[in-house]
Amino acid sequence: MVVYIDLIFLANLLIDGVLIWLAGWLVKMKVTWWRLLLSALVGALYVVMMFVPELSFLYTFLIKFGLSLLMLLIAFGYRSLQSYLRVLGAFYIINFAAAGGIVGIHYLLQSSGDLWNGILFTATGGQAFRLKIAFWFVLAALPLVLMLFKLVQSSRQRRERLETYIGEVYVEIEGVGVTCTGLLDTGNRLSDPLTHIPVMVMEASLWEEHLPASWKGRLNRTGADRLLLETDGQSFAWQDRLRLVPYRGVNRGSAFMLALKPDLVRITLGGESFSSRRALIGLDGGALSGDGAYRAVIHPDLAEPSKTEAAAVSCSI
């Protein structure tokens, strides 16, 4: 059997470098290129030592664990015990995820004959399974496993960041209450230009049962001003609550949005509740979120205690 030590060294150098970089990315700790290279170099040299019979004593649990501590110390330094333990945990999580992913892919690609050939029967009647994974298979599968791991983690982190701005929205109009999930948009400054009342956008489908049947499917295709004119002379209970709010969309010119004047808007966000009667509900004919994570866009003024309290006082007066 021919063993190409140089290829094994380079492959482990690359693998160790990627694993260390991913561990830093996971805990949001930057690592300089020379520290990353030096740390990966230590790990790759350790693998090469396995081909020296006199150094077989180095392949024990304590030596392996100590080497991982040294590699992380070289890569990230020692800032505090907490940060060091965080990156150590991330490093082993990524290693276990990579190893498990490679074994899983290998198992999926095996035929029933390969599985039976790997089963061994011991003298006591027990069973064992011999798993042989080719070196080139590891090199081919590892980038795929690590890429999937990074995509899943990135998606989870984006979701967690989004959830800090997601709350529950309750809107009431003449005894009709609608509840949905809303996203707080800190850059949203849409308001009625005359009264400066903030506008919270909601999907029109939430109010579909209470809107004119002729509006269904037309809010995004037909101008809001035209729809408003069509309601003249028709029986619509909330006719006097309709408003036209001018706005400028992305890559679009000025347009109008149909809005309703509610009796009450209550926002529950981050364990706090904000109520206001000074708001407008803009109606959007489409879906505000492709994955349905939220169905309303909350105006930031409706989630500020000072402004919601001031609105409540002005209404009571």
C-alpha atoms as a PDB file:
ATOM      1  CA  MET A   1       0.000   0.000   0.000  1.00  0.00           C
ATOM      2  CA  VAL A   2       1.327   3.428  -0.990  1.00  0.00           C
ATOM      3  CA  VAL A   3       0.685   6.334   1.386  1.00  0.00           C
ATOM      4  CA  TYR A   4       1.185   9.866   0.101  1.00  0.00           C
ATOM      5  CA  ILE A   5       2.099  11.706   3.264  1.00  0.00           C
ATOM      6  CA  ASP A   6       2.363  15.061   1.503  1.00  0.00           C
ATOM      7  CA  LEU A   7      -1.255  14.818   0.288  1.00  0.00           C
ATOM      8  CA  ILE A   8      -2.456  13.753   3.728  1.00  0.00           C
ATOM      9  CA  PHE A   9      -0.600  16.672   5.278  1.00  0.00           C
ATOM     10  CA  LEU A  10      -2.055  19.242   2.841  1.00  0.00           C
ATOM     11  CA  ALA A  11      -5.574  17.838   3.146  1.00  0.00           C
ATOM     12  CA  ASN A  12      -5.487  17.956   6.952  1.00  0.00           C
ATOM     13  CA  LEU A  13      -3.969  21.435   6.831  1.00  0.00           C
ATOM     14  CA  LEU A  14      -6.948  22.617   4.785  1.00  0.00           C
ATOM     15  CA  ILE A  15      -9.508  20.716   6.880  1.00  0.00           C
ATOM     16  CA  ASP A  16      -8.142  21.986  10.192  1.00  0.00           C
ATOM     17  CA  GLY A  17      -8.051  25.549   8.851  1.00  0.00           C
ATOM     18  CA  VAL A  18     -11.680  25.405   7.725  1.00  0.00           C
ATOM     19  CA  LEU A  19     -12.858  23.868  11.013  1.00  0.00           C
ATOM     20  CA  ILE A  20     -11.064  26.512  13.084  1.00  0.00           C
ATOM     21  CA  TRP A  21     -12.383  29.322  10.886  1.00  0.00           C
ATOM     22  CA  LEU A  22     -15.943  27.987  11.199  1.00  0.00           C
ATOM     23  CA  ALA A  23     -15.587  27.771  14.981  1.00  0.00           C
ATOM     24  CA  GLY A  24     -14.590  31.442  15.069  1.00  0.00           C
ATOM     25  CA  TRP A  25     -17.467  32.351  12.762  1.00  0.00           C
ATOM     26  CA  LEU A  26     -19.937  30.499  14.952  1.00  0.00           C
ATOM     27  CA  VAL A  27     -18.961  32.415  18.109  1.00  0.00           C
ATOM     28  CA  LYS A  28     -18.230  35.661  16.194  1.00  0.00           C
ATOM     29  CA  MET A  29     -14.507  35.729  16.996  1.00  0.00           C
ATOM     30  CA  LYS A  30     -12.133  36.887  14.267  1.00  0.00           C
ATOM     31  CA  VAL A  31      -8.891  35.022  13.640  1.00  0.00           C
ATOM     32  CA  THR A  32      -5.934  36.446  11.732  1.00  0.00           C
ATOM     33  CA  TRP A  33      -4.648  34.486   8.749  1.00  0.00           C
ATOM     34  CA  TRP A  34      -1.222  33.753  10.230  1.00  0.00           C
ATOM     35  CA  ARG A  35      -2.722  32.449  13.481  1.00  0.00           C
ATOM     36  CA  LEU A  36      -5.146  30.299  11.486  1.00  0.00           C
ATOM     37  CA  LEU A  37      -2.318  28.918   9.361  1.00  0.00           C
ATOM     38  CA  LEU A  38      -0.085  28.206  12.358  1.00  0.00           C
ATOM     39  CA  SER A  39      -2.882  26.448  14.251  1.00  0.00           C
ATOM     40  CA  ALA A  40      -3.813  24.318  11.221  1.00  0.00           C
ATOM     41  CA  LEU A  41      -0.131  23.510  10.723  1.00  0.00           C
ATOM     42  CA  VAL A  42       0.105  22.096  14.252  1.00  0.00           C
ATOM     43  CA  GLY A  43      -2.933  19.882  13.624  1.00  0.00           C
ATOM     44  CA  ALA A  44      -1.642  18.653  10.256  1.00  0.00           C
ATOM     45  CA  LEU A  45       1.781  17.798  11.695  1.00  0.00           C
ATOM     46  CA  TYR A  46       0.111  15.789  14.436  1.00  0.00           C
ATOM     47  CA  VAL A  47      -1.694  13.663  11.830  1.00  0.00           C
ATOM     48  CA  VAL A  48       1.589  12.998  10.016  1.00  0.00           C
ATOM     49  CA  MET A  49       3.089  11.691  13.273  1.00  0.00           C
ATOM     50  CA  MET A  50       0.751   8.701  13.158  1.00  0.00           C
ATOM     51  CA  PHE A  51       3.011   7.195  10.523  1.00  0.00           C
ATOM     52  CA  VAL A  52       5.943   7.165  12.963  1.00  0.00           C
ATOM     53  CA  PRO A  53       5.603   3.985  15.086  1.00  0.00           C
ATOM     54  CA  GLU A  54       7.794   5.387  17.859  1.00  0.00           C
ATOM     55  CA  LEU A  55       5.252   8.192  18.442  1.00  0.00           C
ATOM     56  CA  SER A  56       2.209   5.964  18.811  1.00  0.00           C
ATOM     57  CA  PHE A  57       1.945   6.979  22.488  1.00  0.00           C
ATOM     58  CA  LEU A  58       0.787  10.404  21.348  1.00  0.00           C
ATOM     59  CA  TYR A  59      -2.529   8.973  20.139  1.00  0.00           C
ATOM     60  CA  THR A  60      -4.373   8.953  23.435  1.00  0.00           C
ATOM     61  CA  PHE A  61      -7.452  10.886  24.500  1.00  0.00           C
ATOM     62  CA  LEU A  62      -5.547  13.306  26.749  1.00  0.00           C
ATOM     63  CA  ILE A  63      -2.972  14.121  24.078  1.00  0.00           C
ATOM     64  CA  LYS A  64      -5.667  14.641  21.434  1.00  0.00           C
ATOM     65  CA  PHE A  65      -7.727  16.858  23.723  1.00  0.00           C
ATOM     66  CA  GLY A  66      -4.657  18.813  24.790  1.00  0.00           C
ATOM     67  CA  LEU A  67      -3.718  19.342  21.148  1.00  0.00           C
ATOM     68  CA  SER A  68      -7.155  20.829  20.416  1.00  0.00           C
ATOM     69  CA  LEU A  69      -6.691  23.209  23.351  1.00  0.00           C
ATOM     70  CA  LEU A  70      -3.300  24.248  21.977  1.00  0.00           C
ATOM     71  CA  MET A  71      -4.648  24.766  18.448  1.00  0.00           C
ATOM     72  CA  LEU A  72      -7.452  27.032  19.669  1.00  0.00           C
ATOM     73  CA  LEU A  73      -5.050  28.904  21.921  1.00  0.00           C
ATOM     74  CA  ILE A  74      -2.782  29.577  18.937  1.00  0.00           C
ATOM     75  CA  ALA A  75      -5.685  30.619  16.696  1.00  0.00           C
ATOM     76  CA  PHE A  76      -7.684  32.849  19.068  1.00  0.00           C
ATOM     77  CA  GLY A  77      -5.405  33.542  22.009  1.00  0.00           C
ATOM     78  CA  TYR A  78      -6.723  33.698  25.559  1.00  0.00           C
ATOM     79  CA  ARG A  79      -9.100  36.590  26.217  1.00  0.00           C
ATOM     80  CA  SER A  80     -11.120  35.099  29.039  1.00  0.00           C
ATOM     81  CA  LEU A  81     -12.148  31.673  30.276  1.00  0.00           C
ATOM     82  CA  GLN A  82     -15.714  32.213  29.053  1.00  0.00           C
ATOM     83  CA  SER A  83     -14.715  33.132  25.490  1.00  0.00           C
ATOM     84  CA  TYR A  84     -12.197  30.289  25.374  1.00  0.00           C
ATOM     85  CA  LEU A  85     -14.786  27.723  26.472  1.00  0.00           C
ATOM     86  CA  ARG A  86     -17.259  29.108  23.912  1.00  0.00           C
ATOM     87  CA  VAL A  87     -14.867  28.639  21.001  1.00  0.00           C
ATOM     88  CA  LEU A  88     -13.840  25.205  22.347  1.00  0.00           C
ATOM     89  CA  GLY A  89     -17.469  24.090  22.416  1.00  0.00           C
ATOM     90  CA  ALA A  90     -18.067  25.485  18.922  1.00  0.00           C
ATOM     91  CA  PHE A  91     -14.943  23.707  17.614  1.00  0.00           C
ATOM     92  CA  TYR A  92     -16.116  20.311  18.880  1.00  0.00           C
ATOM     93  CA  ILE A  93     -19.703  20.873  17.734  1.00  0.00           C
ATOM     94  CA  ILE A  94     -18.467  21.553  14.206  1.00  0.00           C
ATOM     95  CA  ASN A  95     -16.130  18.548  14.309  1.00  0.00           C
ATOM     96  CA  PHE A  96     -18.906  16.232  15.473  1.00  0.00           C
ATOM     97  CA  ALA A  97     -21.324  17.674  12.902  1.00  0.00           C
ATOM     98  CA  ALA A  98     -18.758  17.179  10.122  1.00  0.00           C
ATOM     99  CA  ALA A  99     -17.936  13.621  11.215  1.00  0.00           C
ATOM    100  CA  GLY A 100     -21.603  12.708  11.585  1.00  0.00           C
ATOM    101  CA  GLY A 101     -22.437  14.214   8.204  1.00  0.00           C
ATOM    102  CA  ILE A 102     -19.678  12.280   6.448  1.00  0.00           C
ATOM    103  CA  VAL A 103     -20.750   9.005   8.073  1.00  0.00           C
ATOM    104  CA  GLY A 104     -24.391   9.737   7.194  1.00  0.00           C
ATOM    105  CA  ILE A 105     -23.629  10.432   3.531  1.00  0.00           C
ATOM    106  CA  HIS A 106     -21.432   7.329   3.349  1.00  0.00           C
ATOM    107  CA  TYR A 107     -24.220   5.219   4.839  1.00  0.00           C
ATOM    108  CA  LEU A 108     -26.791   6.589   2.368  1.00  0.00           C
ATOM    109  CA  LEU A 109     -24.564   5.721  -0.589  1.00  0.00           C
ATOM    110  CA  GLN A 110     -23.869   2.174   0.552  1.00  0.00           C
ATOM    111  CA  SER A 111     -25.733  -0.787  -0.911  1.00  0.00           C
ATOM    112  CA  SER A 112     -27.177  -3.622   1.151  1.00  0.00           C
ATOM    113  CA  GLY A 113     -24.213  -5.807   0.150  1.00  0.00           C
ATOM    114  CA  ASP A 114     -21.745  -3.277   1.515  1.00  0.00           C
ATOM    115  CA  LEU A 115     -23.628  -3.178   4.808  1.00  0.00           C
ATOM    116  CA  TRP A 116     -23.667  -6.955   5.196  1.00  0.00           C
ATOM    117  CA  ASN A 117     -19.974  -7.198   4.372  1.00  0.00           C
ATOM    118  CA  GLY A 118     -19.242  -4.782   7.196  1.00  0.00           C
ATOM    119  CA  ILE A 119     -21.031  -6.807   9.894  1.00  0.00           C
ATOM    120  CA  LEU A 120     -18.772  -8.953  12.079  1.00  0.00           C
ATOM    121  CA  PHE A 121     -19.845 -11.645  14.534  1.00  0.00           C
ATOM    122  CA  THR A 122     -17.751 -11.992  17.675  1.00  0.00           C
ATOM    123  CA  ALA A 123     -16.885 -15.223  19.475  1.00  0.00           C
ATOM    124  CA  THR A 124     -19.425 -14.465  22.205  1.00  0.00           C
ATOM    125  CA  GLY A 125     -22.235 -14.116  19.690  1.00  0.00           C
ATOM    126  CA  GLY A 126     -22.251 -10.331  19.596  1.00  0.00           C
ATOM    127  CA  GLN A 127     -22.214  -8.165  16.505  1.00  0.00           C
ATOM    128  CA  ALA A 128     -19.931  -5.357  15.396  1.00  0.00           C
ATOM    129  CA  PHE A 129     -19.910  -3.158  12.333  1.00  0.00           C
ATOM    130  CA  ARG A 130     -16.745  -2.307  10.459  1.00  0.00           C
ATOM    131  CA  LEU A 131     -16.895   1.051   8.723  1.00  0.00           C
ATOM    132  CA  LYS A 132     -14.350   1.899   6.039  1.00  0.00           C
ATOM    133  CA  ILE A 133     -14.475   5.388   4.555  1.00  0.00           C
ATOM    134  CA  ALA A 134     -12.030   6.251   1.802  1.00  0.00           C
ATOM    135  CA  PHE A 135      -9.767   9.245   2.270  1.00  0.00           C
ATOM    136  CA  TRP A 136     -10.903  10.810  -0.999  1.00  0.00           C
ATOM    137  CA  PHE A 137     -14.540  10.367   0.025  1.00  0.00           C
ATOM    138  CA  VAL A 138     -13.841  12.368   3.192  1.00  0.00           C
ATOM    139  CA  LEU A 139     -12.248  15.140   1.135  1.00  0.00           C
ATOM    140  CA  ALA A 140     -15.207  15.243  -1.228  1.00  0.00           C
ATOM    141  CA  ALA A 141     -17.955  15.065   1.418  1.00  0.00           C
ATOM    142  CA  LEU A 142     -16.447  17.403   4.010  1.00  0.00           C
ATOM    143  CA  PRO A 143     -16.935  20.680   2.031  1.00  0.00           C
ATOM    144  CA  LEU A 144     -20.567  19.730   1.368  1.00  0.00           C
ATOM    145  CA  VAL A 145     -21.234  18.940   5.033  1.00  0.00           C
ATOM    146  CA  LEU A 146     -19.565  22.128   6.266  1.00  0.00           C
ATOM    147  CA  MET A 147     -21.381  24.252   3.674  1.00  0.00           C
ATOM    148  CA  LEU A 148     -24.739  22.814   4.784  1.00  0.00           C
ATOM    149  CA  PHE A 149     -23.810  23.404   8.422  1.00  0.00           C
ATOM    150  CA  LYS A 150     -22.965  27.047   7.702  1.00  0.00           C
ATOM    151  CA  LEU A 151     -26.176  27.571   5.720  1.00  0.00           C
ATOM    152  CA  VAL A 152     -28.305  26.132   8.519  1.00  0.00           C
ATOM    153  CA  GLN A 153     -26.536  28.233  11.154  1.00  0.00           C
ATOM    154  CA  SER A 154     -26.815  31.391   9.037  1.00  0.00           C
ATOM    155  CA  SER A 155     -30.536  30.782   8.550  1.00  0.00           C
ATOM    156  CA  ARG A 156     -31.000  30.234  12.288  1.00  0.00           C
ATOM    157  CA  GLN A 157     -29.105  33.416  13.154  1.00  0.00           C
ATOM    158  CA  ARG A 158     -31.118  35.463  10.657  1.00  0.00           C
ATOM    159  CA  ARG A 159     -34.311  34.057  12.126  1.00  0.00           C
ATOM    160  CA  GLU A 160     -33.201  34.914  15.663  1.00  0.00           C
ATOM    161  CA  ARG A 161     -32.329  38.483  14.642  1.00  0.00           C
ATOM    162  CA  LEU A 162     -35.710  38.790  12.925  1.00  0.00           C
ATOM    163  CA  GLU A 163     -37.576  37.467  15.946  1.00  0.00           C
ATOM    164  CA  THR A 164     -36.292  40.347  18.107  1.00  0.00           C
ATOM    165  CA  TYR A 165     -38.383  42.671  15.906  1.00  0.00           C
ATOM    166  CA  ILE A 166     -41.446  40.435  15.630  1.00  0.00           C
ATOM    167  CA  GLY A 167     -44.432  40.923  17.906  1.00  0.00           C
ATOM    168  CA  GLU A 168     -48.169  40.352  18.102  1.00  0.00           C
ATOM    169  CA  VAL A 169     -50.558  42.862  16.548  1.00  0.00           C
ATOM    170  CA  TYR A 170     -54.193  43.301  17.560  1.00  0.00           C
ATOM    171  CA  VAL A 171     -56.448  45.726  15.669  1.00  0.00           C
ATOM    172  CA  GLU A 172     -60.073  46.439  16.518  1.00  0.00           C
ATOM    173  CA  ILE A 173     -62.666  48.176  14.324  1.00  0.00           C
ATOM    174  CA  GLU A 174     -66.258  48.456  15.567  1.00  0.00           C
ATOM    175  CA  GLY A 175     -66.015  45.300  17.632  1.00  0.00           C
ATOM    176  CA  VAL A 176     -64.182  43.321  14.936  1.00  0.00           C
ATOM    177  CA  GLY A 177     -60.756  42.226  16.164  1.00  0.00           C
ATOM    178  CA  VAL A 178     -57.923  40.878  14.024  1.00  0.00           C
ATOM    179  CA  THR A 179     -54.726  39.382  15.435  1.00  0.00           C
ATOM    180  CA  CYS A 180     -51.569  38.611  13.482  1.00  0.00           C
ATOM    181  CA  THR A 181     -47.776  38.639  13.689  1.00  0.00           C
ATOM    182  CA  GLY A 182     -46.084  41.928  12.861  1.00  0.00           C
ATOM    183  CA  LEU A 183     -42.546  43.038  12.067  1.00  0.00           C
ATOM    184  CA  LEU A 184     -41.242  46.250  13.610  1.00  0.00           C
ATOM    185  CA  ASP A 185     -39.706  48.270  10.774  1.00  0.00           C
ATOM    186  CA  THR A 186     -37.521  50.965  12.331  1.00  0.00           C
ATOM    187  CA  GLY A 187     -37.087  52.622   8.940  1.00  0.00           C
ATOM    188  CA  ASN A 188     -40.804  52.867   8.257  1.00  0.00           C
ATOM    189  CA  ARG A 189     -41.939  56.507   8.370  1.00  0.00           C
ATOM    190  CA  LEU A 190     -45.175  56.161   6.429  1.00  0.00           C
ATOM    191  CA  SER A 191     -47.810  58.493   7.843  1.00  0.00           C
ATOM    192  CA  ASP A 192     -50.765  60.577   6.778  1.00  0.00           C
ATOM    193  CA  PRO A 193     -49.239  63.836   5.455  1.00  0.00           C
ATOM    194  CA  LEU A 194     -52.104  65.959   6.818  1.00  0.00           C
ATOM    195  CA  THR A 195     -52.608  64.534  10.304  1.00  0.00           C
ATOM    196  CA  HIS A 196     -49.167  62.871  10.693  1.00  0.00           C
ATOM    197  CA  ILE A 197     -50.902  59.736  11.984  1.00  0.00           C
ATOM    198  CA  PRO A 198     -48.577  56.703  11.655  1.00  0.00           C
ATOM    199  CA  VAL A 199     -49.604  54.004   9.179  1.00  0.00           C
ATOM    200  CA  MET A 200     -49.193  50.321   9.978  1.00  0.00           C
ATOM    201  CA  VAL A 201     -49.415  48.113   6.878  1.00  0.00           C
ATOM    202  CA  MET A 202     -51.365  44.858   7.088  1.00  0.00           C
ATOM    203  CA  GLU A 203     -52.262  42.192   4.536  1.00  0.00           C
ATOM    204  CA  ALA A 204     -55.718  42.947   3.184  1.00  0.00           C
ATOM    205  CA  SER A 205     -56.598  39.237   3.327  1.00  0.00           C
ATOM    206  CA  LEU A 206     -56.851  39.578   7.117  1.00  0.00           C
ATOM    207  CA  TRP A 207     -59.867  41.861   6.598  1.00  0.00           C
ATOM    208  CA  GLU A 208     -61.246  40.104   3.531  1.00  0.00           C
ATOM    209  CA  GLU A 209     -64.575  39.179   5.164  1.00  0.00           C
ATOM    210  CA  HIS A 210     -65.302  42.823   5.992  1.00  0.00           C
ATOM    211  CA  LEU A 211     -64.141  44.502   2.760  1.00  0.00           C
ATOM    212  CA  PRO A 212     -66.204  44.895  -0.438  1.00  0.00           C
ATOM    213  CA  ALA A 213     -66.164  41.724  -2.536  1.00  0.00           C
ATOM    214  CA  SER A 214     -65.172  43.752  -5.614  1.00  0.00           C
ATOM    215  CA  TRP A 215     -61.818  44.610  -3.988  1.00  0.00           C
ATOM    216  CA  LYS A 216     -60.651  40.999  -3.805  1.00  0.00           C
ATOM    217  CA  GLY A 217     -57.443  40.541  -5.808  1.00  0.00           C
ATOM    218  CA  ARG A 218     -57.463  44.150  -7.063  1.00  0.00           C
ATOM    219  CA  LEU A 219     -55.704  46.126  -4.338  1.00  0.00           C
ATOM    220  CA  ASN A 220     -52.275  45.793  -5.995  1.00  0.00           C
ATOM    221  CA  ARG A 221     -53.516  46.002  -9.595  1.00  0.00           C
ATOM    222  CA  THR A 222     -56.043  48.821  -9.397  1.00  0.00           C
ATOM    223  CA  GLY A 223     -55.327  52.282  -8.050  1.00  0.00           C
ATOM    224  CA  ALA A 224     -56.539  52.867  -4.495  1.00  0.00           C
ATOM    225  CA  ASP A 225     -58.245  56.103  -5.533  1.00  0.00           C
ATOM    226  CA  ARG A 226     -60.235  54.228  -8.177  1.00  0.00           C
ATOM    227  CA  LEU A 227     -61.326  51.564  -5.699  1.00  0.00           C
ATOM    228  CA  LEU A 228     -62.410  54.269  -3.302  1.00  0.00           C
ATOM    229  CA  LEU A 229     -64.567  55.889  -5.980  1.00  0.00           C
ATOM    230  CA  GLU A 230     -66.178  52.527  -6.763  1.00  0.00           C
ATOM    231  CA  THR A 231     -67.433  52.255  -3.187  1.00  0.00           C
ATOM    232  CA  ASP A 232     -69.537  55.423  -3.532  1.00  0.00           C
ATOM    233  CA  GLY A 233     -73.164  54.466  -3.286  1.00  0.00           C
ATOM    234  CA  GLN A 234     -72.351  50.915  -2.185  1.00  0.00           C
ATOM    235  CA  SER A 235     -73.203  49.528   1.218  1.00  0.00           C
ATOM    236  CA  PHE A 236     -69.905  49.380   3.087  1.00  0.00           C
ATOM    237  CA  ALA A 237     -70.096  49.612   6.867  1.00  0.00           C
ATOM    238  CA  TRP A 238     -66.674  51.226   7.197  1.00  0.00           C
ATOM    239  CA  GLN A 239     -67.079  53.776   4.412  1.00  0.00           C
ATOM    240  CA  ASP A 240     -66.371  56.687   6.750  1.00  0.00           C
ATOM    241  CA  ARG A 241     -63.194  55.017   7.999  1.00  0.00           C
ATOM    242  CA  LEU A 242     -61.488  54.839   4.606  1.00  0.00           C
ATOM    243  CA  ARG A 243     -58.446  57.015   3.959  1.00  0.00           C
ATOM    244  CA  LEU A 244     -56.089  57.543   1.024  1.00  0.00           C
ATOM    245  CA  VAL A 245     -52.435  57.677   2.076  1.00  0.00           C
ATOM    246  CA  PRO A 246     -49.840  58.790  -0.508  1.00  0.00           C
ATOM    247  CA  TYR A 247     -46.549  56.897  -0.506  1.00  0.00           C
ATOM    248  CA  ARG A 248     -43.543  56.256  -2.700  1.00  0.00           C
ATOM    249  CA  GLY A 249     -42.680  52.583  -3.307  1.00  0.00           C
ATOM    250  CA  VAL A 250     -39.320  51.070  -4.210  1.00  0.00           C
ATOM    251  CA  ASN A 251     -38.519  51.688  -7.909  1.00  0.00           C
ATOM    252  CA  ARG A 252     -41.965  53.242  -8.251  1.00  0.00           C
ATOM    253  CA  GLY A 253     -43.384  56.699  -8.402  1.00  0.00           C
ATOM    254  CA  SER A 254     -45.914  58.186  -6.030  1.00  0.00           C
ATOM    255  CA  ALA A 255     -49.013  56.099  -5.393  1.00  0.00           C
ATOM    256  CA  PHE A 256     -51.908  55.837  -2.954  1.00  0.00           C
ATOM    257  CA  MET A 257     -52.652  53.206  -0.348  1.00  0.00           C
ATOM    258  CA  LEU A 258     -56.070  52.447   1.034  1.00  0.00           C
ATOM    259  CA  ALA A 259     -56.153  52.661   4.824  1.00  0.00           C
ATOM    260  CA  LEU A 260     -58.693  52.119   7.586  1.00  0.00           C
ATOM    261  CA  LYS A 261     -59.102  54.142  10.783  1.00  0.00           C
ATOM    262  CA  PRO A 262     -59.204  51.625  13.682  1.00  0.00           C
ATOM    263  CA  ASP A 263     -60.647  52.038  17.158  1.00  0.00           C
ATOM    264  CA  LEU A 264     -57.644  50.419  18.818  1.00  0.00           C
ATOM    265  CA  VAL A 265     -54.197  49.122  17.928  1.00  0.00           C
ATOM    266  CA  ARG A 266     -52.295  47.043  20.453  1.00  0.00           C
ATOM    267  CA  ILE A 267     -48.702  45.899  19.893  1.00  0.00           C
ATOM    268  CA  THR A 268     -47.050  43.254  22.094  1.00  0.00           C
ATOM    269  CA  LEU A 269     -43.300  43.260  21.525  1.00  0.00           C
ATOM    270  CA  GLY A 270     -40.476  42.013  23.731  1.00  0.00           C
ATOM    271  CA  GLY A 271     -42.772  41.362  26.682  1.00  0.00           C
ATOM    272  CA  GLU A 272     -44.183  44.912  26.558  1.00  0.00           C
ATOM    273  CA  SER A 273     -47.611  46.011  25.360  1.00  0.00           C
ATOM    274  CA  PHE A 274     -48.297  49.305  23.561  1.00  0.00           C
ATOM    275  CA  SER A 275     -51.792  50.570  22.814  1.00  0.00           C
ATOM    276  CA  SER A 276     -52.807  53.450  20.599  1.00  0.00           C
ATOM    277  CA  ARG A 277     -55.962  54.851  19.009  1.00  0.00           C
ATOM    278  CA  ARG A 278     -54.061  57.258  16.803  1.00  0.00           C
ATOM    279  CA  ALA A 279     -53.129  55.023  13.877  1.00  0.00           C
ATOM    280  CA  LEU A 280     -54.124  54.022  10.360  1.00  0.00           C
ATOM    281  CA  ILE A 281     -54.125  50.502   8.927  1.00  0.00           C
ATOM    282  CA  GLY A 282     -52.763  50.436   5.371  1.00  0.00           C
ATOM    283  CA  LEU A 283     -54.064  47.543   3.256  1.00  0.00           C
ATOM    284  CA  ASP A 284     -51.604  45.568   1.133  1.00  0.00           C
ATOM    285  CA  GLY A 285     -53.075  43.203  -1.443  1.00  0.00           C
ATOM    286  CA  GLY A 286     -50.132  40.769  -1.438  1.00  0.00           C
ATOM    287  CA  ALA A 287     -48.048  38.855   1.092  1.00  0.00           C
ATOM    288  CA  LEU A 288     -45.662  40.957   3.158  1.00  0.00           C
ATOM    289  CA  SER A 289     -43.427  37.971   3.955  1.00  0.00           C
ATOM    290  CA  GLY A 290     -42.647  35.169   1.540  1.00  0.00           C
ATOM    291  CA  ASP A 291     -42.439  32.570   4.305  1.00  0.00           C
ATOM    292  CA  GLY A 292     -45.389  33.922   6.286  1.00  0.00           C
ATOM    293  CA  ALA A 293     -43.215  34.999   9.230  1.00  0.00           C
ATOM    294  CA  TYR A 294     -45.250  38.193   9.612  1.00  0.00           C
ATOM    295  CA  ARG A 295     -48.381  39.716   8.109  1.00  0.00           C
ATOM    296  CA  ALA A 296     -48.079  43.303   9.264  1.00  0.00           C
ATOM    297  CA  VAL A 297     -45.361  45.970   9.240  1.00  0.00           C
ATOM    298  CA  ILE A 298     -45.391  47.917  12.495  1.00  0.00           C
ATOM    299  CA  HIS A 299     -44.683  51.629  12.450  1.00  0.00           C
ATOM    300  CA  PRO A 300     -41.984  52.411  15.084  1.00  0.00           C
ATOM    301  CA  ASP A 301     -44.107  55.190  16.625  1.00  0.00           C
ATOM    302  CA  LEU A 302     -46.682  52.565  17.627  1.00  0.00           C
ATOM    303  CA  ALA A 303     -44.086  50.718  19.731  1.00  0.00           C
ATOM    304  CA  GLU A 304     -42.799  53.733  21.669  1.00  0.00           C
ATOM    305  CA  PRO A 305     -44.279  54.157  25.166  1.00  0.00           C
ATOM    306  CA  SER A 306     -44.082  57.953  25.179  1.00  0.00           C
ATOM    307  CA  LYS A 307     -45.944  58.348  21.899  1.00  0.00           C
ATOM    308  CA  THR A 308     -48.592  55.700  22.573  1.00  0.00           C
ATOM    309  CA  GLU A 309     -49.275  57.180  26.016  1.00  0.00           C
ATOM    310  CA  ALA A 310     -49.531  60.663  24.519  1.00  0.00           C
ATOM    311  CA  ALA A 311     -51.973  59.379  21.916  1.00  0.00           C
ATOM    312  CA  ALA A 312     -54.114  57.778  24.624  1.00  0.00           C
ATOM    313  CA  VAL A 313     -54.181  61.007  26.658  1.00  0.00           C
ATOM    314  CA  SER A 314     -55.121  63.141  23.655  1.00  0.00           C
ATOM    315  CA  CYS A 315     -57.975  60.759  22.783  1.00  0.00           C
ATOM    316  CA  SER A 316     -59.316  60.781  26.357  1.00  0.00           C
ATOM    317  CA  ILE A 317     -59.294  64.573  26.393  1.00  0.00           C
END
